[in-house]
PDB file of N, CA and C in Angstrom:
ATOM      1  N   MET A   1     -37.518 -54.490 -54.490  1.00  0.00           N
ATOM      2  CA  MET A   1     -36.290 -53.374 -53.872  1.00  0.00           C
ATOM      3  C   MET A   1     -35.216 -53.394 -55.118  1.00  0.00           C
ATOM      4  N   THR A   2     -34.900 -52.529 -55.577  1.00  0.00           N
ATOM      5  CA  THR A   2     -33.675 -52.880 -56.551  1.00  0.00           C
ATOM      6  C   THR A   2     -32.270 -52.346 -55.702  1.00  0.00           C
ATOM      7  N   GLN A   3     -31.487 -52.523 -55.846  1.00  0.00           N
ATOM      8  CA  GLN A   3     -30.627 -52.037 -55.628  1.00  0.00           C
ATOM      9  C   GLN A   3     -29.915 -51.346 -57.047  1.00  0.00           C
ATOM     10  N   GLU A   4     -29.317 -49.627 -56.791  1.00  0.00           N
ATOM     11  CA  GLU A   4     -29.245 -48.810 -57.742  1.00  0.00           C
ATOM     12  C   GLU A   4     -27.300 -48.919 -57.571  1.00  0.00           C
ATOM     13  N   GLU A   5     -26.783 -49.286 -58.699  1.00  0.00           N
ATOM     14  CA  GLU A   5     -25.154 -48.933 -58.346  1.00  0.00           C
ATOM     15  C   GLU A   5     -24.834 -47.452 -58.345  1.00  0.00           C
ATOM     16  N   THR A   6     -24.071 -47.401 -57.326  1.00  0.00           N
ATOM     17  CA  THR A   6     -23.233 -46.056 -57.423  1.00  0.00           C
ATOM     18  C   THR A   6     -21.702 -46.162 -57.966  1.00  0.00           C
ATOM     19  N   GLU A   7     -21.686 -44.800 -58.553  1.00  0.00           N
ATOM     20  CA  GLU A   7     -19.681 -44.765 -59.071  1.00  0.00           C
ATOM     21  C   GLU A   7     -19.791 -43.760 -58.089  1.00  0.00           C
ATOM     22  N   LEU A   8     -18.549 -44.109 -57.016  1.00  0.00           N
ATOM     23  CA  LEU A   8     -17.841 -43.444 -56.508  1.00  0.00           C
ATOM     24  C   LEU A   8     -16.172 -42.246 -56.829  1.00  0.00           C
ATOM     25  N   VAL A   9     -16.745 -41.545 -57.626  1.00  0.00           N
ATOM     26  CA  VAL A   9     -15.687 -40.222 -58.072  1.00  0.00           C
ATOM     27  C   VAL A   9     -14.919 -39.483 -57.123  1.00  0.00           C
ATOM     28  N   ARG A  10     -13.818 -39.404 -57.329  1.00  0.00           N
ATOM     29  CA  ARG A  10     -12.999 -38.620 -56.051  1.00  0.00           C
ATOM     30  C   ARG A  10     -12.611 -37.155 -57.131  1.00  0.00           C
ATOM     31  N   GLY A  11     -13.083 -36.351 -56.318  1.00  0.00           N
ATOM     32  CA  GLY A  11     -12.990 -34.682 -56.865  1.00  0.00           C
ATOM     33  C   GLY A  11     -11.622 -34.192 -56.612  1.00  0.00           C
ATOM     34  N   SER A  12     -11.343 -33.351 -57.692  1.00  0.00           N
ATOM     35  CA  SER A  12     -10.408 -32.636 -57.874  1.00  0.00           C
ATOM     36  C   SER A  12     -10.027 -32.021 -56.231  1.00  0.00           C
ATOM     37  N   GLY A  13     -11.135 -31.637 -55.262  1.00  0.00           N
ATOM     38  CA  GLY A  13     -10.704 -30.524 -54.076  1.00  0.00           C
ATOM     39  C   GLY A  13     -11.171 -29.186 -54.614  1.00  0.00           C
ATOM     40  N   ASN A  14     -11.582 -29.090 -56.298  1.00  0.00           N
ATOM     41  CA  ASN A  14     -12.133 -27.814 -56.538  1.00  0.00           C
ATOM     42  C   ASN A  14     -14.027 -28.090 -57.208  1.00  0.00           C
ATOM     43  N   VAL A  15     -15.024 -27.496 -56.265  1.00  0.00           N
ATOM     44  CA  VAL A  15     -16.192 -28.002 -57.049  1.00  0.00           C
ATOM     45  C   VAL A  15     -16.384 -27.434 -58.370  1.00  0.00           C
ATOM     46  N   PHE A  16     -16.346 -26.542 -58.695  1.00  0.00           N
ATOM     47  CA  PHE A  16     -16.338 -25.641 -59.892  1.00  0.00           C
ATOM     48  C   PHE A  16     -15.415 -26.159 -60.973  1.00  0.00           C
ATOM     49  N   CYS A  17     -14.201 -26.659 -60.700  1.00  0.00           N
ATOM     50  CA  CYS A  17     -13.892 -27.498 -61.942  1.00  0.00           C
ATOM     51  C   CYS A  17     -14.291 -28.904 -62.094  1.00  0.00           C
ATOM     52  N   ASP A  18     -14.938 -29.442 -60.513  1.00  0.00           N
ATOM     53  CA  ASP A  18     -15.736 -30.942 -60.997  1.00  0.00           C
ATOM     54  C   ASP A  18     -16.833 -30.141 -62.009  1.00  0.00           C
ATOM     55  N   SER A  19     -17.318 -29.913 -61.628  1.00  0.00           N
ATOM     56  CA  SER A  19     -18.666 -29.528 -62.560  1.00  0.00           C
ATOM     57  C   SER A  19     -18.447 -28.557 -64.043  1.00  0.00           C
ATOM     58  N   GLY A  20     -17.506 -28.013 -64.703  1.00  0.00           N
ATOM     59  CA  GLY A  20     -16.709 -27.591 -65.481  1.00  0.00           C
ATOM     60  C   GLY A  20     -17.312 -26.142 -65.829  1.00  0.00           C
ATOM     61  N   ASP A  21     -17.008 -25.572 -64.191  1.00  0.00           N
ATOM     62  CA  ASP A  21     -17.631 -24.485 -64.853  1.00  0.00           C
ATOM     63  C   ASP A  21     -16.000 -23.617 -65.217  1.00  0.00           C
ATOM     64  N   PRO A  22     -16.083 -22.850 -66.623  1.00  0.00           N
ATOM     65  CA  PRO A  22     -15.290 -22.091 -67.490  1.00  0.00           C
ATOM     66  C   PRO A  22     -14.462 -21.201 -66.030  1.00  0.00           C
ATOM     67  N   ASP A  23     -15.128 -20.782 -65.508  1.00  0.00           N
ATOM     68  CA  ASP A  23     -13.887 -20.205 -63.977  1.00  0.00           C
ATOM     69  C   ASP A  23     -13.639 -20.756 -63.088  1.00  0.00           C
ATOM     70  N   ALA A  24     -13.783 -22.589 -62.962  1.00  0.00           N
ATOM     71  CA  ALA A  24     -13.012 -22.624 -61.824  1.00  0.00           C
ATOM     72  C   ALA A  24     -12.099 -22.164 -61.401  1.00  0.00           C
ATOM     73  N   ASP A  25     -11.089 -21.955 -62.023  1.00  0.00           N
ATOM     74  CA  ASP A  25      -9.772 -21.234 -61.107  1.00  0.00           C
ATOM     75  C   ASP A  25      -9.937 -20.331 -60.064  1.00  0.00           C
ATOM     76  N   ILE A  26     -11.165 -19.077 -60.803  1.00  0.00           N
ATOM     77  CA  ILE A  26     -10.956 -17.818 -59.925  1.00  0.00           C
ATOM     78  C   ILE A  26     -12.294 -17.510 -58.839  1.00  0.00           C
ATOM     79  N   ARG A  27     -13.509 -19.098 -58.980  1.00  0.00           N
ATOM     80  CA  ARG A  27     -14.613 -18.773 -58.318  1.00  0.00           C
ATOM     81  C   ARG A  27     -14.399 -19.172 -56.819  1.00  0.00           C
ATOM     82  N   PRO A  28     -13.610 -20.103 -56.476  1.00  0.00           N
ATOM     83  CA  PRO A  28     -13.016 -20.491 -54.999  1.00  0.00           C
ATOM     84  C   PRO A  28     -12.681 -19.206 -54.183  1.00  0.00           C
ATOM     85  N   ALA A  29     -11.327 -18.630 -54.806  1.00  0.00           N
ATOM     86  CA  ALA A  29     -11.036 -17.137 -54.275  1.00  0.00           C
ATOM     87  C   ALA A  29     -12.266 -15.855 -54.170  1.00  0.00           C
ATOM     88  N   LYS A  30     -12.890 -16.289 -55.094  1.00  0.00           N
ATOM     89  CA  LYS A  30     -14.002 -15.023 -54.655  1.00  0.00           C
ATOM     90  C   LYS A  30     -14.828 -15.394 -53.606  1.00  0.00           C
ATOM     91  N   ALA A  31     -15.071 -16.686 -53.677  1.00  0.00           N
ATOM     92  CA  ALA A  31     -16.291 -16.889 -52.882  1.00  0.00           C
ATOM     93  C   ALA A  31     -15.445 -16.292 -51.271  1.00  0.00           C
ATOM     94  N   ILE A  32     -14.264 -17.246 -51.360  1.00  0.00           N
ATOM     95  CA  ILE A  32     -13.590 -16.932 -49.884  1.00  0.00           C
ATOM     96  C   ILE A  32     -13.410 -15.135 -49.364  1.00  0.00           C
ATOM     97  N   LEU A  33     -13.204 -14.790 -49.970  1.00  0.00           N
ATOM     98  CA  LEU A  33     -13.206 -12.956 -50.354  1.00  0.00           C
ATOM     99  C   LEU A  33     -14.660 -12.638 -49.622  1.00  0.00           C
ATOM    100  N   ALA A  34     -15.419 -13.438 -50.507  1.00  0.00           N
ATOM    101  CA  ALA A  34     -16.701 -12.603 -50.416  1.00  0.00           C
ATOM    102  C   ALA A  34     -16.985 -12.672 -48.501  1.00  0.00           C
ATOM    103  N   SER A  35     -17.232 -14.077 -48.324  1.00  0.00           N
ATOM    104  CA  SER A  35     -17.263 -14.795 -46.912  1.00  0.00           C
ATOM    105  C   SER A  35     -16.799 -14.026 -46.080  1.00  0.00           C
ATOM    106  N   GLN A  36     -15.331 -13.799 -46.345  1.00  0.00           N
ATOM    107  CA  GLN A  36     -14.667 -12.739 -45.297  1.00  0.00           C
ATOM    108  C   GLN A  36     -15.422 -11.299 -45.183  1.00  0.00           C
ATOM    109  N   ILE A  37     -15.851 -10.551 -46.361  1.00  0.00           N
ATOM    110  CA  ILE A  37     -16.130  -9.387 -46.804  1.00  0.00           C
ATOM    111  C   ILE A  37     -17.613  -9.254 -46.120  1.00  0.00           C
ATOM    112  N   ILE A  38     -18.466 -10.741 -45.711  1.00  0.00           N
ATOM    113  CA  ILE A  38     -19.294 -10.443 -45.000  1.00  0.00           C
ATOM    114  C   ILE A  38     -19.704 -10.482 -43.560  1.00  0.00           C
ATOM    115  N   ALA A  39     -18.295 -11.749 -42.975  1.00  0.00           N
ATOM    116  CA  ALA A  39     -17.498 -11.724 -41.501  1.00  0.00           C
ATOM    117  C   ALA A  39     -17.065 -10.108 -41.150  1.00  0.00           C
ATOM    118  N   VAL A  40     -16.776  -9.387 -41.972  1.00  0.00           N
ATOM    119  CA  VAL A  40     -16.534  -7.890 -41.697  1.00  0.00           C
ATOM    120  C   VAL A  40     -17.598  -7.457 -41.527  1.00  0.00           C
ATOM    121  N   ILE A  41     -18.570  -7.267 -42.186  1.00  0.00           N
ATOM    122  CA  ILE A  41     -19.434  -6.034 -41.880  1.00  0.00           C
ATOM    123  C   ILE A  41     -20.078  -6.433 -40.928  1.00  0.00           C
ATOM    124  N   ASP A  42     -21.123  -8.077 -40.786  1.00  0.00           N
ATOM    125  CA  ASP A  42     -21.578  -8.786 -39.325  1.00  0.00           C
ATOM    126  C   ASP A  42     -20.777  -8.037 -38.353  1.00  0.00           C
ATOM    127  N   GLY A  43     -19.196  -8.179 -38.575  1.00  0.00           N
ATOM    128  CA  GLY A  43     -18.463  -8.538 -37.247  1.00  0.00           C
ATOM    129  C   GLY A  43     -18.758  -6.809 -36.292  1.00  0.00           C
ATOM    130  N   ILE A  44     -18.976  -5.781 -37.625  1.00  0.00           N
ATOM    131  CA  ILE A  44     -19.171  -4.403 -36.544  1.00  0.00           C
ATOM    132  C   ILE A  44     -20.458  -3.626 -37.417  1.00  0.00           C
ATOM    133  N   ALA A  45     -21.320  -4.902 -37.440  1.00  0.00           N
ATOM    134  CA  ALA A  45     -22.696  -4.204 -37.581  1.00  0.00           C
ATOM    135  C   ALA A  45     -22.957  -3.210 -38.668  1.00  0.00           C
ATOM    136  N   LEU A  46     -22.478  -3.683 -39.437  1.00  0.00           N
ATOM    137  CA  LEU A  46     -22.228  -2.308 -41.139  1.00  0.00           C
ATOM    138  C   LEU A  46     -24.138  -2.878 -42.093  1.00  0.00           C
ATOM    139  N   SER A  47     -24.177  -1.373 -42.095  1.00  0.00           N
ATOM    140  CA  SER A  47     -25.653  -2.262 -43.185  1.00  0.00           C
ATOM    141  C   SER A  47     -24.622  -1.873 -44.565  1.00  0.00           C
ATOM    142  N   ALA A  48     -25.435  -2.259 -45.477  1.00  0.00           N
ATOM    143  CA  ALA A  48     -25.123  -2.229 -46.459  1.00  0.00           C
ATOM    144  C   ALA A  48     -24.629  -0.419 -47.419  1.00  0.00           C
ATOM    145  N   ARG A  49     -25.486   0.479 -46.929  1.00  0.00           N
ATOM    146  CA  ARG A  49     -25.419   1.511 -47.201  1.00  0.00           C
ATOM    147  C   ARG A  49     -24.173   1.914 -46.061  1.00  0.00           C
ATOM    148  N   LYS A  50     -24.079   1.763 -45.048  1.00  0.00           N
ATOM    149  CA  LYS A  50     -22.911   2.135 -44.588  1.00  0.00           C
ATOM    150  C   LYS A  50     -21.779   1.881 -44.972  1.00  0.00           C
ATOM    151  N   ALA A  51     -21.509   0.469 -45.352  1.00  0.00           N
ATOM    152  CA  ALA A  51     -20.567  -0.150 -45.819  1.00  0.00           C
ATOM    153  C   ALA A  51     -20.039   0.527 -47.489  1.00  0.00           C
ATOM    154  N   ALA A  52     -21.550   0.765 -47.970  1.00  0.00           N
ATOM    155  CA  ALA A  52     -20.767   1.438 -49.069  1.00  0.00           C
ATOM    156  C   ALA A  52     -20.248   2.635 -49.072  1.00  0.00           C
ATOM    157  N   SER A  53     -21.110   3.262 -47.781  1.00  0.00           N
ATOM    158  CA  SER A  53     -20.831   4.924 -48.258  1.00  0.00           C
ATOM    159  C   SER A  53     -19.205   4.834 -47.377  1.00  0.00           C
ATOM    160  N   MET A  54     -18.787   4.136 -46.451  1.00  0.00           N
ATOM    161  CA  MET A  54     -17.517   4.046 -46.259  1.00  0.00           C
ATOM    162  C   MET A  54     -16.375   4.117 -46.875  1.00  0.00           C
ATOM    163  N   THR A  55     -16.372   2.889 -47.961  1.00  0.00           N
ATOM    164  CA  THR A  55     -15.854   2.496 -49.228  1.00  0.00           C
ATOM    165  C   THR A  55     -15.687   2.997 -50.352  1.00  0.00           C
ATOM    166  N   GLY A  56     -16.977   3.976 -50.352  1.00  0.00           N
ATOM    167  CA  GLY A  56     -17.149   3.846 -52.261  1.00  0.00           C
ATOM    168  C   GLY A  56     -17.659   3.638 -53.132  1.00  0.00           C
ATOM    169  N   PHE A  57     -17.820   1.811 -52.658  1.00  0.00           N
ATOM    170  CA  PHE A  57     -18.515   1.104 -53.875  1.00  0.00           C
ATOM    171  C   PHE A  57     -19.926   1.138 -53.540  1.00  0.00           C
ATOM    172  N   ALA A  58     -20.567   1.050 -54.386  1.00  0.00           N
ATOM    173  CA  ALA A  58     -22.042   1.163 -54.675  1.00  0.00           C
ATOM    174  C   ALA A  58     -22.706   0.460 -53.609  1.00  0.00           C
ATOM    175  N   VAL A  59     -24.188   0.131 -53.067  1.00  0.00           N
ATOM    176  CA  VAL A  59     -24.428  -0.431 -52.559  1.00  0.00           C
ATOM    177  C   VAL A  59     -24.675  -2.300 -53.104  1.00  0.00           C
ATOM    178  N   ALA A  60     -25.113  -1.810 -54.547  1.00  0.00           N
ATOM    179  CA  ALA A  60     -25.331  -2.944 -54.971  1.00  0.00           C
ATOM    180  C   ALA A  60     -24.204  -4.086 -54.986  1.00  0.00           C
ATOM    181  N   GLY A  61     -22.995  -3.492 -54.766  1.00  0.00           N
ATOM    182  CA  GLY A  61     -21.749  -4.135 -54.668  1.00  0.00           C
ATOM    183  C   GLY A  61     -21.799  -5.177 -53.354  1.00  0.00           C
ATOM    184  N   PHE A  62     -22.587  -4.617 -52.656  1.00  0.00           N
ATOM    185  CA  PHE A  62     -22.408  -5.466 -51.082  1.00  0.00           C
ATOM    186  C   PHE A  62     -23.748  -6.542 -51.019  1.00  0.00           C
ATOM    187  N   SER A  63     -24.373  -5.863 -51.773  1.00  0.00           N
ATOM    188  CA  SER A  63     -25.981  -6.752 -52.177  1.00  0.00           C
ATOM    189  C   SER A  63     -25.432  -7.907 -52.871  1.00  0.00           C
ATOM    190  N   ARG A  64     -24.666  -8.141 -54.088  1.00  0.00           N
ATOM    191  CA  ARG A  64     -23.952  -9.394 -54.680  1.00  0.00           C
ATOM    192  C   ARG A  64     -23.195  -9.758 -54.149  1.00  0.00           C
ATOM    193  N   VAL A  65     -22.595  -9.143 -52.970  1.00  0.00           N
ATOM    194  CA  VAL A  65     -21.889 -10.005 -52.261  1.00  0.00           C
ATOM    195  C   VAL A  65     -22.432 -10.928 -51.273  1.00  0.00           C
ATOM    196  N   ARG A  66     -23.711 -10.283 -50.562  1.00  0.00           N
ATOM    197  CA  ARG A  66     -24.388 -10.980 -49.987  1.00  0.00           C
ATOM    198  C   ARG A  66     -25.366 -12.233 -50.913  1.00  0.00           C
ATOM    199  N   ASN A  67     -25.098 -11.953 -51.877  1.00  0.00           N
ATOM    200  CA  ASN A  67     -26.170 -13.139 -52.466  1.00  0.00           C
ATOM    201  C   ASN A  67     -25.491 -13.994 -53.095  1.00  0.00           C
ATOM    202  N   ALA A  68     -24.017 -13.838 -53.031  1.00  0.00           N
ATOM    203  CA  ALA A  68     -23.377 -14.779 -53.961  1.00  0.00           C
ATOM    204  C   ALA A  68     -23.385 -14.598 -55.284  1.00  0.00           C
ATOM    205  N   ASP A  69     -23.524 -13.616 -56.136  1.00  0.00           N
ATOM    206  CA  ASP A  69     -23.804 -12.940 -57.101  1.00  0.00           C
ATOM    207  C   ASP A  69     -22.263 -12.487 -57.454  1.00  0.00           C
ATOM    208  N   LEU A  70     -21.306 -13.118 -57.985  1.00  0.00           N
ATOM    209  CA  LEU A  70     -19.458 -12.484 -57.749  1.00  0.00           C
ATOM    210  C   LEU A  70     -19.629 -12.420 -59.743  1.00  0.00           C
ATOM    211  N   GLY A  71     -20.580 -12.627 -60.247  1.00  0.00           N
ATOM    212  CA  GLY A  71     -19.292 -13.403 -61.725  1.00  0.00           C
ATOM    213  C   GLY A  71     -19.075 -11.491 -61.818  1.00  0.00           C
ATOM    214  N   ARG A  72     -20.023 -10.438 -61.501  1.00  0.00           N
ATOM    215  CA  ARG A  72     -19.914  -9.117 -62.068  1.00  0.00           C
ATOM    216  C   ARG A  72     -18.089  -8.435 -61.450  1.00  0.00           C
ATOM    217  N   LEU A  73     -18.085  -8.969 -60.083  1.00  0.00           N
ATOM    218  CA  LEU A  73     -16.992  -8.329 -59.695  1.00  0.00           C
ATOM    219  C   LEU A  73     -15.472  -9.342 -59.804  1.00  0.00           C
ATOM    220  N   THR A  74     -14.495  -8.380 -59.682  1.00  0.00           N
ATOM    221  CA  THR A  74     -13.302  -9.132 -59.526  1.00  0.00           C
ATOM    222  C   THR A  74     -12.288  -9.685 -58.515  1.00  0.00           C
ATOM    223  N   LEU A  75     -11.684 -10.025 -58.968  1.00  0.00           N
ATOM    224  CA  LEU A  75     -10.510 -10.327 -57.304  1.00  0.00           C
ATOM    225  C   LEU A  75     -10.470  -8.790 -56.396  1.00  0.00           C
ATOM    226  N   VAL A  76      -9.849  -8.142 -57.508  1.00  0.00           N
ATOM    227  CA  VAL A  76      -9.184  -6.777 -57.478  1.00  0.00           C
ATOM    228  C   VAL A  76     -10.637  -5.878 -56.496  1.00  0.00           C
ATOM    229  N   ARG A  77     -11.538  -5.888 -57.421  1.00  0.00           N
ATOM    230  CA  ARG A  77     -12.813  -4.846 -56.026  1.00  0.00           C
ATOM    231  C   ARG A  77     -13.099  -5.501 -55.259  1.00  0.00           C
ATOM    232  N   LEU A  78     -13.275  -6.977 -55.033  1.00  0.00           N
ATOM    233  CA  LEU A  78     -13.206  -7.698 -53.536  1.00  0.00           C
ATOM    234  C   LEU A  78     -12.689  -6.918 -52.966  1.00  0.00           C
ATOM    235  N   ILE A  79     -11.116  -7.558 -52.744  1.00  0.00           N
ATOM    236  CA  ILE A  79     -10.206  -7.331 -51.839  1.00  0.00           C
ATOM    237  C   ILE A  79     -10.142  -5.563 -51.763  1.00  0.00           C
ATOM    238  N   LYS A  80     -10.549  -5.013 -52.402  1.00  0.00           N
ATOM    239  CA  LYS A  80     -11.065  -3.469 -52.250  1.00  0.00           C
ATOM    240  C   LYS A  80     -11.675  -3.695 -51.495  1.00  0.00           C
ATOM    241  N   MET A  81     -13.162  -3.838 -51.677  1.00  0.00           N
ATOM    242  CA  MET A  81     -14.122  -3.641 -50.631  1.00  0.00           C
ATOM    243  C   MET A  81     -13.913  -5.171 -49.242  1.00  0.00           C
ATOM    244  N   LEU A  82     -12.804  -5.469 -49.581  1.00  0.00           N
ATOM    245  CA  LEU A  82     -13.064  -5.993 -47.596  1.00  0.00           C
ATOM    246  C   LEU A  82     -11.918  -5.012 -47.398  1.00  0.00           C
ATOM    247  N   TRP A  83     -10.376  -4.646 -47.663  1.00  0.00           N
ATOM    248  CA  TRP A  83     -10.215  -3.831 -47.081  1.00  0.00           C
ATOM    249  C   TRP A  83     -10.068  -2.662 -46.683  1.00  0.00           C
ATOM    250  N   THR A  84     -11.121  -1.603 -47.207  1.00  0.00           N
ATOM    251  CA  THR A  84     -11.431  -0.238 -46.287  1.00  0.00           C
ATOM    252  C   THR A  84     -12.099  -0.931 -45.035  1.00  0.00           C
ATOM    253  N   PRO A  85     -13.232  -1.563 -44.660  1.00  0.00           N
ATOM    254  CA  PRO A  85     -13.670  -1.209 -43.316  1.00  0.00           C
ATOM    255  C   PRO A  85     -13.153  -1.817 -42.562  1.00  0.00           C
ATOM    256  N   ALA A  86     -12.243  -2.706 -43.133  1.00  0.00           N
ATOM    257  CA  ALA A  86     -11.367  -3.795 -42.033  1.00  0.00           C
ATOM    258  C   ALA A  86      -9.515  -3.067 -42.520  1.00  0.00           C
ATOM    259  N   ASP A  87      -8.979  -2.312 -42.200  1.00  0.00           N
ATOM    260  CA  ASP A  87      -7.884  -2.350 -42.808  1.00  0.00           C
ATOM    261  C   ASP A  87      -6.908  -3.104 -42.345  1.00  0.00           C
ATOM    262  N   SER A  88      -7.133  -3.934 -40.684  1.00  0.00           N
ATOM    263  CA  SER A  88      -5.979  -4.621 -40.308  1.00  0.00           C
ATOM    264  C   SER A  88      -6.308  -6.289 -40.878  1.00  0.00           C
ATOM    265  N   ILE A  89      -7.029  -6.446 -42.135  1.00  0.00           N
ATOM    266  CA  ILE A  89      -6.957  -7.164 -42.891  1.00  0.00           C
ATOM    267  C   ILE A  89      -5.774  -7.858 -43.745  1.00  0.00           C
ATOM    268  N   LYS A  90      -5.597  -8.942 -43.819  1.00  0.00           N
ATOM    269  CA  LYS A  90      -4.138  -9.293 -44.321  1.00  0.00           C
ATOM    270  C   LYS A  90      -4.364 -10.183 -45.284  1.00  0.00           C
ATOM    271  N   VAL A  91      -4.533 -10.188 -46.893  1.00  0.00           N
ATOM    272  CA  VAL A  91      -5.000 -11.288 -47.853  1.00  0.00           C
ATOM    273  C   VAL A  91      -3.429 -11.762 -48.430  1.00  0.00           C
ATOM    274  N   THR A  92      -4.008 -13.175 -48.723  1.00  0.00           N
ATOM    275  CA  THR A  92      -2.776 -14.026 -49.268  1.00  0.00           C
ATOM    276  C   THR A  92      -3.260 -14.650 -50.258  1.00  0.00           C
ATOM    277  N   ILE A  93      -2.321 -14.625 -51.280  1.00  0.00           N
ATOM    278  CA  ILE A  93      -2.978 -15.192 -52.083  1.00  0.00           C
ATOM    279  C   ILE A  93      -2.191 -16.462 -52.439  1.00  0.00           C
ATOM    280  N   GLN A  94      -2.225 -17.416 -52.575  1.00  0.00           N
ATOM    281  CA  GLN A  94      -1.426 -18.878 -52.737  1.00  0.00           C
ATOM    282  C   GLN A  94      -1.537 -19.524 -54.258  1.00  0.00           C
ATOM    283  N   LEU A  95      -0.844 -20.013 -54.780  1.00  0.00           N
ATOM    284  CA  LEU A  95      -1.278 -20.685 -56.625  1.00  0.00           C
ATOM    285  C   LEU A  95      -0.562 -21.769 -56.406  1.00  0.00           C
ATOM    286  N   ALA A  96      -1.747 -23.064 -56.486  1.00  0.00           N
ATOM    287  CA  ALA A  96      -1.301 -24.337 -56.185  1.00  0.00           C
ATOM    288  C   ALA A  96      -1.030 -24.327 -57.570  1.00  0.00           C
ATOM    289  N   PRO A  97       0.021 -25.732 -57.948  1.00  0.00           N
ATOM    290  CA  PRO A  97       0.169 -25.944 -59.266  1.00  0.00           C
ATOM    291  C   PRO A  97      -1.315 -27.088 -60.432  1.00  0.00           C
ATOM    292  N   ARG A  98      -1.259 -26.394 -61.063  1.00  0.00           N
ATOM    293  CA  ARG A  98      -2.087 -27.052 -61.699  1.00  0.00           C
ATOM    294  C   ARG A  98      -1.984 -28.409 -61.843  1.00  0.00           C
ATOM    295  N   PRO A  99      -3.204 -29.405 -61.775  1.00  0.00           N
ATOM    296  CA  PRO A  99      -2.927 -31.050 -62.265  1.00  0.00           C
ATOM    297  C   PRO A  99      -2.176 -31.470 -63.750  1.00  0.00           C
ATOM    298  N   ALA A 100      -1.409 -32.193 -64.252  1.00  0.00           N
ATOM    299  CA  ALA A 100      -1.153 -32.507 -65.126  1.00  0.00           C
ATOM    300  C   ALA A 100      -2.490 -32.567 -66.360  1.00  0.00           C
ATOM    301  N   GLY A 101      -1.389 -32.145 -67.126  1.00  0.00           N
ATOM    302  CA  GLY A 101      -2.850 -31.769 -68.475  1.00  0.00           C
ATOM    303  C   GLY A 101      -3.391 -30.759 -68.515  1.00  0.00           C
ATOM    304  N   GLN A 102      -3.862 -29.978 -67.370  1.00  0.00           N
ATOM    305  CA  GLN A 102      -4.269 -28.657 -67.211  1.00  0.00           C
ATOM    306  C   GLN A 102      -3.810 -27.202 -68.342  1.00  0.00           C
ATOM    307  N   GLY A 103      -3.662 -27.145 -69.612  1.00  0.00           N
ATOM    308  CA  GLY A 103      -2.686 -25.808 -69.968  1.00  0.00           C
ATOM    309  C   GLY A 103      -3.144 -24.562 -68.903  1.00  0.00           C
ATOM    310  N   ILE A 104      -2.759 -23.741 -69.173  1.00  0.00           N
ATOM    311  CA  ILE A 104      -3.484 -22.132 -68.913  1.00  0.00           C
ATOM    312  C   ILE A 104      -4.662 -21.708 -70.015  1.00  0.00           C
ATOM    313  N   LEU A 105      -5.103 -21.375 -68.903  1.00  0.00           N
ATOM    314  CA  LEU A 105      -6.628 -20.699 -70.244  1.00  0.00           C
ATOM    315  C   LEU A 105      -6.313 -19.596 -71.152  1.00  0.00           C
ATOM    316  N   PRO A 106      -6.488 -19.443 -72.228  1.00  0.00           N
ATOM    317  CA  PRO A 106      -6.001 -17.880 -72.958  1.00  0.00           C
ATOM    318  C   PRO A 106      -7.266 -17.187 -72.036  1.00  0.00           C
ATOM    319  N   LEU A 107      -6.672 -15.915 -71.676  1.00  0.00           N
ATOM    320  CA  LEU A 107      -7.481 -14.530 -71.105  1.00  0.00           C
ATOM    321  C   LEU A 107      -8.245 -13.763 -72.191  1.00  0.00           C
ATOM    322  N   PRO A 108      -9.157 -13.198 -71.933  1.00  0.00           N
ATOM    323  CA  PRO A 108      -9.884 -13.204 -72.948  1.00  0.00           C
ATOM    324  C   PRO A 108      -9.175 -11.928 -73.804  1.00  0.00           C
ATOM    325  N   VAL A 109      -9.308 -11.380 -75.022  1.00  0.00           N
ATOM    326  CA  VAL A 109      -8.725 -10.174 -75.233  1.00  0.00           C
ATOM    327  C   VAL A 109     -10.139  -8.846 -75.559  1.00  0.00           C
TER     328      VAL A 109
END
């Protein structure tokens, strides 16, 4: 039996950044909002159809949230999806400073 050497690498705290995802800054926020949407829908026992009728969003949007297919959903859309079925929700966004050497990514034109 041989022993393999294992290298220990400290992560940044953002798995998306560590894996080189170009949307690494926004994906954790989307994932948190999606999990909250699911918690609210499950907490008040709404089907995707009922949630869609209450919010005006398509059933497909709620299906995407359930399947963690968040690429086509913006932060604003996710916040609006969360807000309507549970009007008592408070959303707070806190921006953390970027690590040294990471500039601001250019916005798509």
